Amino acid sequence: RLSCVASGNIFSINAMGWYRQAPGRERDLVAVITPSGMINYVD
């Protein structure tokens, strides 16, 4: 389980999520989630 905490000059956060970069590959979306709970996952 990965966790990520945002801090600093934050009024609000829109989309939030995770990307990953494997050796020799580009950084790709893993999952994103909106404040209301809408989610996109890589297949």
PDB file of all heavy atoms in Angstrom:
ATOM      1  N   ARG A   1       0.840  -1.179   0.000  1.00  0.00           N
ATOM      2  CA  ARG A   1       0.000   0.000   0.000  1.00  0.00           C
ATOM      3  C   ARG A   1       0.882   1.237   0.000  1.00  0.00           C
ATOM      4  O   ARG A   1       1.688   1.431   0.912  1.00  0.00           O
ATOM      5  CB  ARG A   1      -0.944   0.049   1.197  1.00  0.00           C
ATOM      6  CG  ARG A   1      -1.992   1.159   1.056  1.00  0.00           C
ATOM      7  CD  ARG A   1      -3.041   1.124   2.137  1.00  0.00           C
ATOM      8  NE  ARG A   1      -2.633   1.869   3.321  1.00  0.00           N
ATOM      9  CZ  ARG A   1      -3.418   2.699   3.990  1.00  0.00           C
ATOM     10  NH1 ARG A   1      -4.673   2.887   3.586  1.00  0.00           N
ATOM     11  NH2 ARG A   1      -2.968   3.315   5.063  1.00  0.00           N
ATOM     12  N   LEU A   2       0.711   2.057  -1.013  1.00  0.00           N
ATOM     13  CA  LEU A   2       1.427   3.310  -1.118  1.00  0.00           C
ATOM     14  C   LEU A   2       0.580   4.442  -0.555  1.00  0.00           C
ATOM     15  O   LEU A   2      -0.637   4.457  -0.713  1.00  0.00           O
ATOM     16  CB  LEU A   2       1.775   3.627  -2.576  1.00  0.00           C
ATOM     17  CG  LEU A   2       2.526   2.551  -3.363  1.00  0.00           C
ATOM     18  CD1 LEU A   2       2.845   3.071  -4.766  1.00  0.00           C
ATOM     19  CD2 LEU A   2       3.792   2.127  -2.642  1.00  0.00           C
ATOM     20  N   SER A   3       1.250   5.388   0.071  1.00  0.00           N
ATOM     21  CA  SER A   3       0.591   6.574   0.589  1.00  0.00           C
ATOM     22  C   SER A   3       1.325   7.803   0.098  1.00  0.00           C
ATOM     23  O   SER A   3       2.538   7.782  -0.104  1.00  0.00           O
ATOM     24  CB  SER A   3       0.572   6.583   2.123  1.00  0.00           C
ATOM     25  OG  SER A   3      -0.121   5.478   2.641  1.00  0.00           O
ATOM     26  N   CYS A   4       0.598   8.876  -0.079  1.00  0.00           N
ATOM     27  CA  CYS A   4       1.186  10.138  -0.496  1.00  0.00           C
ATOM     28  C   CYS A   4       0.457  11.272   0.191  1.00  0.00           C
ATOM     29  O   CYS A   4      -0.774  11.370   0.086  1.00  0.00           O
ATOM     30  CB  CYS A   4       1.099  10.294  -2.014  1.00  0.00           C
ATOM     31  SG  CYS A   4       1.651  11.899  -2.636  1.00  0.00           S
ATOM     32  N   VAL A   5       1.204  12.116   0.863  1.00  0.00           N
ATOM     33  CA  VAL A   5       0.650  13.257   1.577  1.00  0.00           C
ATOM     34  C   VAL A   5       1.133  14.537   0.917  1.00  0.00           C
ATOM     35  O   VAL A   5       2.340  14.729   0.735  1.00  0.00           O
ATOM     36  CB  VAL A   5       1.054  13.242   3.057  1.00  0.00           C
ATOM     37  CG1 VAL A   5       0.450  14.443   3.774  1.00  0.00           C
ATOM     38  CG2 VAL A   5       0.624  11.950   3.720  1.00  0.00           C
ATOM     39  N   ALA A   6       0.208  15.397   0.574  1.00  0.00           N
ATOM     40  CA  ALA A   6       0.526  16.694  -0.004  1.00  0.00           C
ATOM     41  C   ALA A   6       0.495  17.759   1.077  1.00  0.00           C
ATOM     42  O   ALA A   6      -0.390  17.779   1.931  1.00  0.00           O
ATOM     43  CB  ALA A   6      -0.462  17.050  -1.112  1.00  0.00           C
ATOM     44  N   SER A   7       1.466  18.658   1.015  1.00  0.00           N
ATOM     45  CA  SER A   7       1.513  19.748   1.978  1.00  0.00           C
ATOM     46  C   SER A   7       2.071  20.984   1.297  1.00  0.00           C
ATOM     47  O   SER A   7       2.705  20.903   0.249  1.00  0.00           O
ATOM     48  CB  SER A   7       2.360  19.380   3.202  1.00  0.00           C
ATOM     49  OG  SER A   7       3.699  19.109   2.825  1.00  0.00           O
ATOM     50  N   GLY A   8       1.855  22.125   1.909  1.00  0.00           N
ATOM     51  CA  GLY A   8       2.350  23.372   1.375  1.00  0.00           C
ATOM     52  C   GLY A   8       1.231  24.333   1.046  1.00  0.00           C
ATOM     53  O   GLY A   8       0.217  24.389   1.739  1.00  0.00           O
ATOM     54  N   ASN A   9       1.428  25.087  -0.022  1.00  0.00           N
ATOM     55  CA  ASN A   9       0.468  26.106  -0.435  1.00  0.00           C
ATOM     56  C   ASN A   9      -0.674  25.444  -1.196  1.00  0.00           C
ATOM     57  O   ASN A   9      -0.680  25.396  -2.430  1.00  0.00           O
ATOM     58  CB  ASN A   9       1.147  27.166  -1.290  1.00  0.00           C
ATOM     59  CG  ASN A   9       0.198  28.258  -1.730  1.00  0.00           C
ATOM     60  OD1 ASN A   9      -0.812  28.505  -1.084  1.00  0.00           O
ATOM     61  ND2 ASN A   9       0.526  28.904  -2.849  1.00  0.00           N
ATOM     62  N   ILE A  10      -1.639  24.948  -0.456  1.00  0.00           N
ATOM     63  CA  ILE A  10      -2.754  24.200  -1.032  1.00  0.00           C
ATOM     64  C   ILE A  10      -4.065  24.843  -0.623  1.00  0.00           C
ATOM     65  O   ILE A  10      -4.387  24.896   0.565  1.00  0.00           O
ATOM     66  CB  ILE A  10      -2.735  22.731  -0.584  1.00  0.00           C
ATOM     67  CG1 ILE A  10      -1.451  22.037  -1.029  1.00  0.00           C
ATOM     68  CG2 ILE A  10      -3.956  22.000  -1.141  1.00  0.00           C
ATOM     69  CD1 ILE A  10      -1.267  20.661  -0.440  1.00  0.00           C
ATOM     70  N   PHE A  11      -4.799  25.306  -1.619  1.00  0.00           N
ATOM     71  CA  PHE A  11      -6.172  25.705  -1.387  1.00  0.00           C
ATOM     72  C   PHE A  11      -7.097  24.505  -1.561  1.00  0.00           C
ATOM     73  O   PHE A  11      -7.988  24.270  -0.740  1.00  0.00           O
ATOM     74  CB  PHE A  11      -6.573  26.845  -2.325  1.00  0.00           C
ATOM     75  CG  PHE A  11      -7.981  27.320  -2.121  1.00  0.00           C
ATOM     76  CD1 PHE A  11      -8.297  28.177  -1.086  1.00  0.00           C
ATOM     77  CD2 PHE A  11      -9.000  26.893  -2.958  1.00  0.00           C
ATOM     78  CE1 PHE A  11      -9.589  28.616  -0.889  1.00  0.00           C
ATOM     79  CE2 PHE A  11     -10.305  27.322  -2.771  1.00  0.00           C
ATOM     80  CZ  PHE A  11     -10.598  28.187  -1.731  1.00  0.00           C
ATOM     81  N   SER A  12      -6.871  23.768  -2.617  1.00  0.00           N
ATOM     82  CA  SER A  12      -7.605  22.537  -2.847  1.00  0.00           C
ATOM     83  C   SER A  12      -6.806  21.680  -3.811  1.00  0.00           C
ATOM     84  O   SER A  12      -5.901  22.155  -4.490  1.00  0.00           O
ATOM     85  CB  SER A  12      -9.006  22.803  -3.404  1.00  0.00           C
ATOM     86  OG  SER A  12      -8.936  23.422  -4.673  1.00  0.00           O
ATOM     87  N   ILE A  13      -7.143  20.409  -3.865  1.00  0.00           N
ATOM     88  CA  ILE A  13      -6.517  19.480  -4.789  1.00  0.00           C
ATOM     89  C   ILE A  13      -7.589  18.906  -5.697  1.00  0.00           C
ATOM     90  O   ILE A  13      -8.598  18.382  -5.218  1.00  0.00           O
ATOM     91  CB  ILE A  13      -5.788  18.342  -4.059  1.00  0.00           C
ATOM     92  CG1 ILE A  13      -4.725  18.907  -3.111  1.00  0.00           C
ATOM     93  CG2 ILE A  13      -5.156  17.386  -5.067  1.00  0.00           C
ATOM     94  CD1 ILE A  13      -4.004  17.846  -2.303  1.00  0.00           C
ATOM     95  N   ASN A  14      -7.361  19.022  -6.993  1.00  0.00           N
ATOM     96  CA  ASN A  14      -8.283  18.442  -7.946  1.00  0.00           C
ATOM     97  C   ASN A  14      -7.929  16.963  -8.125  1.00  0.00           C
ATOM     98  O   ASN A  14      -8.059  16.182  -7.182  1.00  0.00           O
ATOM     99  CB  ASN A  14      -8.239  19.224  -9.263  1.00  0.00           C
ATOM    100  CG  ASN A  14      -9.337  18.812 -10.211  1.00  0.00           C
ATOM    101  OD1 ASN A  14     -10.372  18.286  -9.805  1.00  0.00           O
ATOM    102  ND2 ASN A  14      -9.126  19.039 -11.498  1.00  0.00           N
ATOM    103  N   ALA A  15      -7.458  16.589  -9.281  1.00  0.00           N
ATOM    104  CA  ALA A  15      -7.075  15.198  -9.490  1.00  0.00           C
ATOM    105  C   ALA A  15      -5.854  14.849  -8.654  1.00  0.00           C
ATOM    106  O   ALA A  15      -4.967  15.677  -8.427  1.00  0.00           O
ATOM    107  CB  ALA A  15      -6.797  14.941 -10.965  1.00  0.00           C
ATOM    108  N   MET A  16      -5.795  13.617  -8.216  1.00  0.00           N
ATOM    109  CA  MET A  16      -4.689  13.111  -7.438  1.00  0.00           C
ATOM    110  C   MET A  16      -4.535  11.638  -7.766  1.00  0.00           C
ATOM    111  O   MET A  16      -5.532  10.956  -8.018  1.00  0.00           O
ATOM    112  CB  MET A  16      -4.964  13.306  -5.947  1.00  0.00           C
ATOM    113  CG  MET A  16      -3.758  13.252  -5.054  1.00  0.00           C
ATOM    114  SD  MET A  16      -4.190  13.742  -3.355  1.00  0.00           S
ATOM    115  CE  MET A  16      -2.558  13.900  -2.645  1.00  0.00           C
ATOM    116  N   GLY A  17      -3.310  11.166  -7.790  1.00  0.00           N
ATOM    117  CA  GLY A  17      -3.162   9.757  -8.099  1.00  0.00           C
ATOM    118  C   GLY A  17      -1.727   9.321  -8.246  1.00  0.00           C
ATOM    119  O   GLY A  17      -0.819   9.886  -7.615  1.00  0.00           O
ATOM    120  N   TRP A  18      -1.548   8.299  -9.080  1.00  0.00           N
ATOM    121  CA  TRP A  18      -0.269   7.627  -9.190  1.00  0.00           C
ATOM    122  C   TRP A  18       0.099   7.353 -10.628  1.00  0.00           C
ATOM    123  O   TRP A  18      -0.750   6.956 -11.443  1.00  0.00           O
ATOM    124  CB  TRP A  18      -0.301   6.293  -8.431  1.00  0.00           C
ATOM    125  CG  TRP A  18      -0.560   6.460  -6.973  1.00  0.00           C
ATOM    126  CD1 TRP A  18      -1.762   6.479  -6.340  1.00  0.00           C
ATOM    127  CD2 TRP A  18       0.432   6.654  -5.961  1.00  0.00           C
ATOM    128  NE1 TRP A  18      -1.591   6.675  -4.990  1.00  0.00           N
ATOM    129  CE2 TRP A  18      -0.252   6.783  -4.734  1.00  0.00           C
ATOM    130  CE3 TRP A  18       1.826   6.732  -5.971  1.00  0.00           C
ATOM    131  CZ2 TRP A  18       0.413   6.980  -3.525  1.00  0.00           C
ATOM    132  CZ3 TRP A  18       2.485   6.930  -4.773  1.00  0.00           C
ATOM    133  CH2 TRP A  18       1.785   7.048  -3.564  1.00  0.00           C
ATOM    134  N   TYR A  19       1.357   7.560 -10.933  1.00  0.00           N
ATOM    135  CA  TYR A  19       1.971   7.163 -12.182  1.00  0.00           C
ATOM    136  C   TYR A  19       3.135   6.241 -11.863  1.00  0.00           C
ATOM    137  O   TYR A  19       3.586   6.171 -10.716  1.00  0.00           O
ATOM    138  CB  TYR A  19       2.470   8.380 -12.965  1.00  0.00           C
ATOM    139  CG  TYR A  19       1.370   9.225 -13.577  1.00  0.00           C
ATOM    140  CD1 TYR A  19       0.480   9.930 -12.780  1.00  0.00           C
ATOM    141  CD2 TYR A  19       1.242   9.330 -14.957  1.00  0.00           C
ATOM    142  CE1 TYR A  19      -0.517  10.707 -13.333  1.00  0.00           C
ATOM    143  CE2 TYR A  19       0.252  10.111 -15.523  1.00  0.00           C
ATOM    144  CZ  TYR A  19      -0.624  10.797 -14.709  1.00  0.00           C
ATOM    145  OH  TYR A  19      -1.610  11.580 -15.272  1.00  0.00           O
ATOM    146  N   ARG A  20       3.612   5.544 -12.881  1.00  0.00           N
ATOM    147  CA  ARG A  20       4.769   4.691 -12.669  1.00  0.00           C
ATOM    148  C   ARG A  20       5.656   4.697 -13.901  1.00  0.00           C
ATOM    149  O   ARG A  20       5.198   4.922 -15.015  1.00  0.00           O
ATOM    150  CB  ARG A  20       4.365   3.260 -12.306  1.00  0.00           C
ATOM    151  CG  ARG A  20       3.661   2.494 -13.413  1.00  0.00           C
ATOM    152  CD  ARG A  20       3.156   1.154 -12.898  1.00  0.00           C
ATOM    153  NE  ARG A  20       2.487   0.383 -13.927  1.00  0.00           N
ATOM    154  CZ  ARG A  20       1.851  -0.766 -13.714  1.00  0.00           C
ATOM    155  NH1 ARG A  20       1.810  -1.287 -12.489  1.00  0.00           N
ATOM    156  NH2 ARG A  20       1.269  -1.405 -14.725  1.00  0.00           N
ATOM    157  N   GLN A  21       6.922   4.441 -13.654  1.00  0.00           N
ATOM    158  CA  GLN A  21       7.903   4.396 -14.723  1.00  0.00           C
ATOM    159  C   GLN A  21       8.775   3.163 -14.529  1.00  0.00           C
ATOM    160  O   GLN A  21       9.525   3.070 -13.554  1.00  0.00           O
ATOM    161  CB  GLN A  21       8.760   5.660 -14.744  1.00  0.00           C
ATOM    162  CG  GLN A  21       9.683   5.751 -15.937  1.00  0.00           C
ATOM    163  CD  GLN A  21      10.282   7.133 -16.096  1.00  0.00           C
ATOM    164  OE1 GLN A  21      10.283   7.929 -15.162  1.00  0.00           O
ATOM    165  NE2 GLN A  21      10.778   7.431 -17.276  1.00  0.00           N
ATOM    166  N   ALA A  22       8.644   2.232 -15.445  1.00  0.00           N
ATOM    167  CA  ALA A  22       9.444   1.022 -15.428  1.00  0.00           C
ATOM    168  C   ALA A  22      10.746   1.261 -16.181  1.00  0.00           C
ATOM    169  O   ALA A  22      10.854   2.189 -16.989  1.00  0.00           O
ATOM    170  CB  ALA A  22       8.669  -0.131 -16.063  1.00  0.00           C
ATOM    171  N   PRO A  23      11.752   0.430 -15.937  1.00  0.00           N
ATOM    172  CA  PRO A  23      13.026   0.611 -16.631  1.00  0.00           C
ATOM    173  C   PRO A  23      12.851   0.632 -18.143  1.00  0.00           C
ATOM    174  O   PRO A  23      12.205  -0.246 -18.723  1.00  0.00           O
ATOM    175  CB  PRO A  23      13.844  -0.595 -16.180  1.00  0.00           C
ATOM    176  CG  PRO A  23      13.267  -0.959 -14.852  1.00  0.00           C
ATOM    177  CD  PRO A  23      11.797  -0.673 -14.972  1.00  0.00           C
ATOM    178  N   GLY A  24      13.421   1.637 -18.777  1.00  0.00           N
ATOM    179  CA  GLY A  24      13.367   1.748 -20.224  1.00  0.00           C
ATOM    180  C   GLY A  24      12.035   2.185 -20.789  1.00  0.00           C
ATOM    181  O   GLY A  24      11.864   2.148 -22.012  1.00  0.00           O
ATOM    182  N   ARG A  25      11.110   2.597 -19.939  1.00  0.00           N
ATOM    183  CA  ARG A  25       9.793   2.979 -20.409  1.00  0.00           C
ATOM    184  C   ARG A  25       9.444   4.397 -19.978  1.00  0.00           C
ATOM    185  O   ARG A  25      10.092   4.976 -19.113  1.00  0.00           O
ATOM    186  CB  ARG A  25       8.726   2.010 -19.877  1.00  0.00           C
ATOM    187  CG  ARG A  25       8.927   0.572 -20.332  1.00  0.00           C
ATOM    188  CD  ARG A  25       7.813  -0.312 -19.850  1.00  0.00           C
ATOM    189  NE  ARG A  25       7.991  -1.699 -20.255  1.00  0.00           N
ATOM    190  CZ  ARG A  25       7.142  -2.678 -19.980  1.00  0.00           C
ATOM    191  NH1 ARG A  25       6.044  -2.434 -19.292  1.00  0.00           N
ATOM    192  NH2 ARG A  25       7.405  -3.908 -20.390  1.00  0.00           N
ATOM    193  N   GLU A  26       8.403   4.923 -20.593  1.00  0.00           N
ATOM    194  CA  GLU A  26       7.909   6.242 -20.232  1.00  0.00           C
ATOM    195  C   GLU A  26       7.077   6.164 -18.958  1.00  0.00           C
ATOM    196  O   GLU A  26       6.612   5.092 -18.554  1.00  0.00           O
ATOM    197  CB  GLU A  26       7.066   6.817 -21.364  1.00  0.00           C
ATOM    198  CG  GLU A  26       7.827   7.039 -22.661  1.00  0.00           C
ATOM    199  CD  GLU A  26       8.881   8.105 -22.519  1.00  0.00           C
ATOM    200  OE1 GLU A  26       8.613   9.124 -21.843  1.00  0.00           O
ATOM    201  OE2 GLU A  26       9.975   7.928 -23.066  1.00  0.00           O
ATOM    202  N   ARG A  27       6.897   7.309 -18.335  1.00  0.00           N
ATOM    203  CA  ARG A  27       6.042   7.382 -17.163  1.00  0.00           C
ATOM    204  C   ARG A  27       4.579   7.296 -17.596  1.00  0.00           C
ATOM    205  O   ARG A  27       4.124   8.087 -18.420  1.00  0.00           O
ATOM    206  CB  ARG A  27       6.303   8.684 -16.398  1.00  0.00           C
ATOM    207  CG  ARG A  27       5.568   8.777 -15.073  1.00  0.00           C
ATOM    208  CD  ARG A  27       5.892  10.063 -14.331  1.00  0.00           C
ATOM    209  NE  ARG A  27       7.312  10.150 -13.999  1.00  0.00           N
ATOM    210  CZ  ARG A  27       7.849  11.117 -13.270  1.00  0.00           C
ATOM    211  NH1 ARG A  27       7.082  12.086 -12.784  1.00  0.00           N
ATOM    212  NH2 ARG A  27       9.141  11.122 -13.028  1.00  0.00           N
ATOM    213  N   ASP A  28       3.849   6.362 -17.034  1.00  0.00           N
ATOM    214  CA  ASP A  28       2.478   6.092 -17.436  1.00  0.00           C
ATOM    215  C   ASP A  28       1.533   6.216 -16.252  1.00  0.00           C
ATOM    216  O   ASP A  28       1.891   5.938 -15.111  1.00  0.00           O
ATOM    217  CB  ASP A  28       2.341   4.680 -18.021  1.00  0.00           C
ATOM    218  CG  ASP A  28       3.090   4.508 -19.322  1.00  0.00           C
ATOM    219  OD1 ASP A  28       3.141   5.463 -20.116  1.00  0.00           O
ATOM    220  OD2 ASP A  28       3.620   3.399 -19.557  1.00  0.00           O
ATOM    221  N   LEU A  29       0.317   6.608 -16.557  1.00  0.00           N
ATOM    222  CA  LEU A  29      -0.727   6.691 -15.539  1.00  0.00           C
ATOM    223  C   LEU A  29      -1.060   5.311 -14.997  1.00  0.00           C
ATOM    224  O   LEU A  29      -1.189   4.352 -15.752  1.00  0.00           O
ATOM    225  CB  LEU A  29      -1.981   7.340 -16.130  1.00  0.00           C
ATOM    226  CG  LEU A  29      -3.165   7.548 -15.192  1.00  0.00           C
ATOM    227  CD1 LEU A  29      -3.920   8.811 -15.580  1.00  0.00           C
ATOM    228  CD2 LEU A  29      -4.118   6.349 -15.239  1.00  0.00           C
ATOM    229  N   VAL A  30      -1.197   5.218 -13.687  1.00  0.00           N
ATOM    230  CA  VAL A  30      -1.691   4.021 -13.035  1.00  0.00           C
ATOM    231  C   VAL A  30      -3.139   4.215 -12.605  1.00  0.00           C
ATOM    232  O   VAL A  30      -4.019   3.427 -12.949  1.00  0.00           O
ATOM    233  CB  VAL A  30      -0.831   3.635 -11.821  1.00  0.00           C
ATOM    234  CG1 VAL A  30      -1.401   2.400 -11.129  1.00  0.00           C
ATOM    235  CG2 VAL A  30       0.610   3.399 -12.239  1.00  0.00           C
ATOM    236  N   ALA A  31      -3.385   5.258 -11.834  1.00  0.00           N
ATOM    237  CA  ALA A  31      -4.723   5.535 -11.337  1.00  0.00           C
ATOM    238  C   ALA A  31      -4.800   6.985 -10.916  1.00  0.00           C
ATOM    239  O   ALA A  31      -3.859   7.523 -10.337  1.00  0.00           O
ATOM    240  CB  ALA A  31      -5.076   4.630 -10.153  1.00  0.00           C
ATOM    241  N   VAL A  32      -5.929   7.616 -11.215  1.00  0.00           N
ATOM    242  CA  VAL A  32      -6.197   8.963 -10.741  1.00  0.00           C
ATOM    243  C   VAL A  32      -7.594   9.002 -10.158  1.00  0.00           C
ATOM    244  O   VAL A  32      -8.475   8.237 -10.565  1.00  0.00           O
ATOM    245  CB  VAL A  32      -6.052  10.035 -11.843  1.00  0.00           C
ATOM    246  CG1 VAL A  32      -4.604  10.165 -12.276  1.00  0.00           C
ATOM    247  CG2 VAL A  32      -6.937   9.712 -13.032  1.00  0.00           C
ATOM    248  N   ILE A  33      -7.791   9.911  -9.224  1.00  0.00           N
ATOM    249  CA  ILE A  33      -9.066  10.025  -8.540  1.00  0.00           C
ATOM    250  C   ILE A  33      -9.363  11.497  -8.301  1.00  0.00           C
ATOM    251  O   ILE A  33      -8.487  12.277  -7.938  1.00  0.00           O
ATOM    252  CB  ILE A  33      -9.062   9.217  -7.219  1.00  0.00           C
ATOM    253  CG1 ILE A  33     -10.412   9.294  -6.515  1.00  0.00           C
ATOM    254  CG2 ILE A  33      -7.928   9.664  -6.306  1.00  0.00           C
ATOM    255  CD1 ILE A  33     -10.534   8.306  -5.351  1.00  0.00           C
ATOM    256  N   THR A  34     -10.609  11.871  -8.519  1.00  0.00           N
ATOM    257  CA  THR A  34     -11.049  13.239  -8.301  1.00  0.00           C
ATOM    258  C   THR A  34     -11.555  13.393  -6.871  1.00  0.00           C
ATOM    259  O   THR A  34     -11.765  12.412  -6.155  1.00  0.00           O
ATOM    260  CB  THR A  34     -12.162  13.625  -9.272  1.00  0.00           C
ATOM    261  OG1 THR A  34     -13.362  12.928  -8.924  1.00  0.00           O
ATOM    262  CG2 THR A  34     -11.780  13.296 -10.709  1.00  0.00           C
ATOM    263  N   PRO A  35     -11.772  14.632  -6.428  1.00  0.00           N
ATOM    264  CA  PRO A  35     -12.308  14.822  -5.072  1.00  0.00           C
ATOM    265  C   PRO A  35     -13.649  14.133  -4.848  1.00  0.00           C
ATOM    266  O   PRO A  35     -13.947  13.737  -3.718  1.00  0.00           O
ATOM    267  CB  PRO A  35     -12.440  16.341  -4.956  1.00  0.00           C
ATOM    268  CG  PRO A  35     -11.411  16.875  -5.890  1.00  0.00           C
ATOM    269  CD  PRO A  35     -11.406  15.921  -7.047  1.00  0.00           C
ATOM    270  N   SER A  36     -14.453  13.994  -5.897  1.00  0.00           N
ATOM    271  CA  SER A  36     -15.752  13.364  -5.768  1.00  0.00           C
ATOM    272  C   SER A  36     -15.707  11.854  -5.904  1.00  0.00           C
ATOM    273  O   SER A  36     -16.740  11.194  -5.766  1.00  0.00           O
ATOM    274  CB  SER A  36     -16.722  13.934  -6.795  1.00  0.00           C
ATOM    275  OG  SER A  36     -16.276  13.670  -8.112  1.00  0.00           O
ATOM    276  N   GLY A  37     -14.537  11.297  -6.190  1.00  0.00           N
ATOM    277  CA  GLY A  37     -14.395   9.859  -6.247  1.00  0.00           C
ATOM    278  C   GLY A  37     -14.417   9.234  -7.620  1.00  0.00           C
ATOM    279  O   GLY A  37     -14.446   8.003  -7.724  1.00  0.00           O
ATOM    280  N   MET A  38     -14.403  10.023  -8.678  1.00  0.00           N
ATOM    281  CA  MET A  38     -14.298   9.463 -10.018  1.00  0.00           C
ATOM    282  C   MET A  38     -12.878   8.969 -10.235  1.00  0.00           C
ATOM    283  O   MET A  38     -11.918   9.662  -9.915  1.00  0.00           O
ATOM    284  CB  MET A  38     -14.663  10.500 -11.067  1.00  0.00           C
ATOM    285  CG  MET A  38     -16.106  10.961 -10.995  1.00  0.00           C
ATOM    286  SD  MET A  38     -16.499  12.224 -12.219  1.00  0.00           S
ATOM    287  CE  MET A  38     -16.171  11.341 -13.744  1.00  0.00           C
ATOM    288  N   ILE A  39     -12.741   7.788 -10.807  1.00  0.00           N
ATOM    289  CA  ILE A  39     -11.460   7.104 -10.889  1.00  0.00           C
ATOM    290  C   ILE A  39     -11.200   6.612 -12.307  1.00  0.00           C
ATOM    291  O   ILE A  39     -12.107   6.124 -12.987  1.00  0.00           O
ATOM    292  CB  ILE A  39     -11.428   5.899  -9.923  1.00  0.00           C
ATOM    293  CG1 ILE A  39     -11.529   6.371  -8.469  1.00  0.00           C
ATOM    294  CG2 ILE A  39     -10.162   5.081 -10.131  1.00  0.00           C
ATOM    295  CD1 ILE A  39     -11.736   5.253  -7.482  1.00  0.00           C
ATOM    296  N   ASN A  40      -9.958   6.740 -12.727  1.00  0.00           N
ATOM    297  CA  ASN A  40      -9.471   6.099 -13.931  1.00  0.00           C
ATOM    298  C   ASN A  40      -8.288   5.208 -13.567  1.00  0.00           C
ATOM    299  O   ASN A  40      -7.382   5.638 -12.856  1.00  0.00           O
ATOM    300  CB  ASN A  40      -9.021   7.121 -14.974  1.00  0.00           C
ATOM    301  CG  ASN A  40     -10.174   7.809 -15.656  1.00  0.00           C
ATOM    302  OD1 ASN A  40     -11.250   7.251 -15.797  1.00  0.00           O
ATOM    303  ND2 ASN A  40      -9.944   9.038 -16.111  1.00  0.00           N
ATOM    304  N   TYR A  41      -8.309   3.978 -14.067  1.00  0.00           N
ATOM    305  CA  TYR A  41      -7.203   3.050 -13.919  1.00  0.00           C
ATOM    306  C   TYR A  41      -6.665   2.664 -15.290  1.00  0.00           C
ATOM    307  O   TYR A  41      -7.424   2.556 -16.257  1.00  0.00           O
ATOM    308  CB  TYR A  41      -7.631   1.748 -13.251  1.00  0.00           C
ATOM    309  CG  TYR A  41      -8.066   1.822 -11.818  1.00  0.00           C
ATOM    310  CD1 TYR A  41      -9.411   1.744 -11.473  1.00  0.00           C
ATOM    311  CD2 TYR A  41      -7.129   1.931 -10.793  1.00  0.00           C
ATOM    312  CE1 TYR A  41      -9.812   1.779 -10.157  1.00  0.00           C
ATOM    313  CE2 TYR A  41      -7.528   1.963  -9.468  1.00  0.00           C
ATOM    314  CZ  TYR A  41      -8.871   1.885  -9.153  1.00  0.00           C
ATOM    315  OH  TYR A  41      -9.269   1.916  -7.839  1.00  0.00           O
ATOM    316  N   VAL A  42      -5.378   2.402 -15.344  1.00  0.00           N
ATOM    317  CA  VAL A  42      -4.859   1.739 -16.513  1.00  0.00           C
ATOM    318  C   VAL A  42      -5.397   0.303 -16.527  1.00  0.00           C
ATOM    319  O   VAL A  42      -5.588  -0.312 -15.471  1.00  0.00           O
ATOM    320  CB  VAL A  42      -3.316   1.765 -16.530  1.00  0.00           C
ATOM    321  CG1 VAL A  42      -2.732   0.969 -15.381  1.00  0.00           C
ATOM    322  CG2 VAL A  42      -2.781   1.296 -17.860  1.00  0.00           C
ATOM    323  N   ASP A  43      -5.680  -0.214 -17.718  1.00  0.00           N
ATOM    324  CA  ASP A  43      -6.341  -1.505 -17.806  1.00  0.00           C
ATOM    325  C   ASP A  43      -5.583  -2.615 -17.086  1.00  0.00           C
ATOM    326  O   ASP A  43      -6.190  -3.521 -16.501  1.00  0.00           O
ATOM    327  CB  ASP A  43      -6.536  -1.894 -19.274  1.00  0.00           C
ATOM    328  CG  ASP A  43      -7.649  -1.118 -19.943  1.00  0.00           C
ATOM    329  OD1 ASP A  43      -8.452  -0.487 -19.247  1.00  0.00           O
ATOM    330  OD2 ASP A  43      -7.714  -1.158 -21.194  1.00  0.00           O
TER     331      ASP A  43
END
